[in-house]
Protein backbone atom coordinates (compact mmCIF):
# COMPACT_ATOMS: atom_id res chain seq x y z
CA MET A 1 -15.12 -0.08 -7.51
CA THR A 2 -14.49 -0.36 -3.78
CA ARG A 3 -14.83 2.35 -1.58
CA TYR A 4 -13.12 2.48 2.11
CA ASP A 5 -15.20 1.47 4.68
CA THR A 6 -14.56 2.05 8.34
CA THR A 7 -16.49 -1.02 9.75
CA TYR A 8 -14.61 -3.58 11.62
CA ASN A 9 -13.71 -6.50 9.56
CA ALA A 10 -12.73 -9.73 11.48
CA VAL A 11 -11.19 -11.30 8.30
CA GLU A 12 -7.42 -12.08 8.60
CA ILE A 13 -5.08 -10.18 6.61
CA PRO A 14 -4.34 -12.37 3.71
CA PRO A 15 -0.61 -13.56 3.31
CA VAL A 16 1.52 -12.06 0.45
CA GLY A 17 0.60 -13.73 -2.69
CA PRO A 18 3.15 -15.82 -4.90
CA CYS A 19 4.51 -12.99 -6.99
CA ARG A 20 8.25 -12.87 -7.23
CA SER A 21 8.72 -9.42 -8.69
CA PHE A 22 10.25 -6.48 -6.70
CA ARG A 23 9.45 -4.07 -9.32
CA PRO A 24 7.29 -0.92 -8.30
CA GLY A 25 3.80 -1.93 -7.35
CA HIS A 26 4.92 -5.42 -6.37
CA GLY A 27 7.03 -6.99 -3.27
CA SER A 28 9.51 -5.03 -1.14
CA HIS A 29 13.05 -6.51 -0.88
CA TRP A 30 14.34 -6.18 2.60
CA ILE A 31 17.15 -4.04 1.37
CA MET A 32 14.76 -1.39 0.18
CA TRP A 33 13.23 -1.44 3.63
CA GLN A 34 16.53 -0.91 5.28
CA LEU A 35 17.27 1.93 2.92
CA TYR A 36 14.06 3.83 3.55
CA ARG A 37 12.91 3.00 6.86
CA SER A 38 14.25 6.24 8.40
CA ALA A 39 13.20 8.44 5.20
CA PRO A 40 10.90 11.23 5.95
CA THR A 41 7.01 10.37 5.31
CA ARG A 42 3.95 12.18 4.69
CA SER A 43 0.49 11.89 6.03
CA ALA A 44 -2.02 10.67 3.56
CA VAL A 45 -5.55 9.27 3.31
CA VAL A 46 -6.71 6.26 1.26
CA ARG A 47 -9.63 7.72 -0.69
CA GLU A 48 -10.47 4.86 -3.10
CA ILE A 49 -9.06 1.58 -4.32
CA ARG A 50 -10.35 0.74 -7.83
CA GLY A 51 -8.83 -2.66 -9.24
CA THR A 52 -5.12 -1.98 -8.62
CA GLU A 53 -5.60 1.76 -8.56
CA ILE A 54 -5.12 3.46 -5.07
CA THR A 55 -6.28 7.18 -4.95
CA LEU A 56 -4.30 8.97 -2.10
CA GLN A 57 -5.20 12.38 -0.75
CA VAL A 58 -1.99 14.35 0.56
CA GLY A 59 -3.03 17.74 1.57
CA GLU A 60 -4.47 19.23 -1.45
CA GLU A 61 -2.53 16.81 -3.59
CA VAL A 62 -4.13 13.76 -5.17
CA LEU A 63 -1.86 10.70 -6.09
CA THR A 64 -2.96 7.52 -8.16
CA TRP A 65 -0.57 4.58 -7.31
CA GLN A 66 -0.76 0.89 -8.29
CA HIS A 67 -0.57 -2.22 -6.15
CA HIS A 68 -0.71 -5.56 -7.41
CA GLU A 69 -2.52 -6.82 -4.20
CA PRO A 70 -5.07 -4.18 -3.45
CA ALA A 71 -7.07 -6.92 -1.63
CA ARG A 72 -4.33 -7.14 1.07
CA LEU A 73 -4.23 -3.07 1.52
CA LEU A 74 -8.29 -3.01 1.80
CA VAL A 75 -8.30 -5.70 4.61
CA VAL A 76 -5.65 -3.96 6.36
CA LEU A 77 -7.54 -0.48 6.18
CA ARG A 78 -10.80 -2.06 7.13
CA ARG A 79 -9.10 -3.08 10.27
CA ILE A 80 -7.28 0.26 11.23
CA PRO A 81 -8.02 3.80 10.48
CA ARG A 82 -7.38 4.89 6.79
CA ALA A 83 -4.99 7.41 7.73
CA VAL A 84 -1.56 6.14 6.25
CA ARG A 85 2.06 7.37 5.72
CA ILE A 86 3.72 7.35 2.35
CA LEU A 87 7.37 7.42 1.30
CA ASP A 88 7.52 9.46 -1.86
CA GLN A 89 11.20 8.56 -2.50
CA CYS A 90 9.97 4.88 -3.32
CA THR A 91 6.12 5.20 -3.64
CA ALA A 92 5.44 3.16 -0.40
CA ILE A 93 2.18 3.12 1.66
CA LEU A 94 2.98 2.48 5.30
CA VAL A 95 0.20 1.28 7.73
CA ASP A 96 1.05 1.27 11.24
CA HIS A 97 -0.69 -1.19 13.40
CA GLY A 98 0.11 -2.99 16.73
CA GLY A 99 3.60 -1.95 16.64
CA SER A 100 4.27 -3.33 13.31
CA THR A 101 4.17 -1.47 9.93
CA PHE A 102 2.50 -2.94 6.77
CA TRP A 103 4.37 -1.71 3.75
CA PHE A 104 2.93 -1.50 0.20
CA TYR A 105 5.32 -0.78 -2.46
CA CYS A 106 3.44 1.09 -5.11
CA ALA A 107 3.91 1.97 -8.75
CA PRO A 108 3.41 5.80 -9.68
CA GLY A 109 2.31 4.85 -13.04
CA VAL A 110 1.77 1.77 -15.13
CA MET A 111 2.52 -1.40 -13.26
CA GLU A 112 4.11 -4.49 -14.95
CA ASP A 113 2.56 -7.82 -14.53
CA CYS A 114 3.31 -10.16 -11.69
CA VAL A 115 6.14 -12.64 -11.99
CA LEU A 116 4.69 -16.11 -10.87
CA PRO A 117 6.80 -19.13 -10.13
C-alpha cells in the first residue's frame, strides 16, 4: 500500500509506458482531450494509491478508480499538492502543474490488461 506523502521528491516524472490501449484506465487519445478539455470538473483529493487502485475523496463521496501507471501519478502528486480535479464524464484525474495539466484516464471499475507492442 502506498499512501500519499507531501515531501518533495526530486525524481523526474517517468515517461508514459509502452501500453497502446486507449481503453479506460490506460492512455488518453488526443481526441478525448479535445472533447473534454472544456468539460466541467470537480475538486478531489487523492487519499490512497494501492496497486492500480486510486481512492479519491470528492466532498462526502469516495470514488475508487483504476489506472495502469499509478507510479506516474504518485510521482506527480509528490511534486505538487494532492488536490486534483476530476472529469466525471470520462473518469479522468487532472493535475495542474507549471502551466501544464497531467491527464490520467481512469477506469471506474475493473480495468482491462495493457496492450503491449
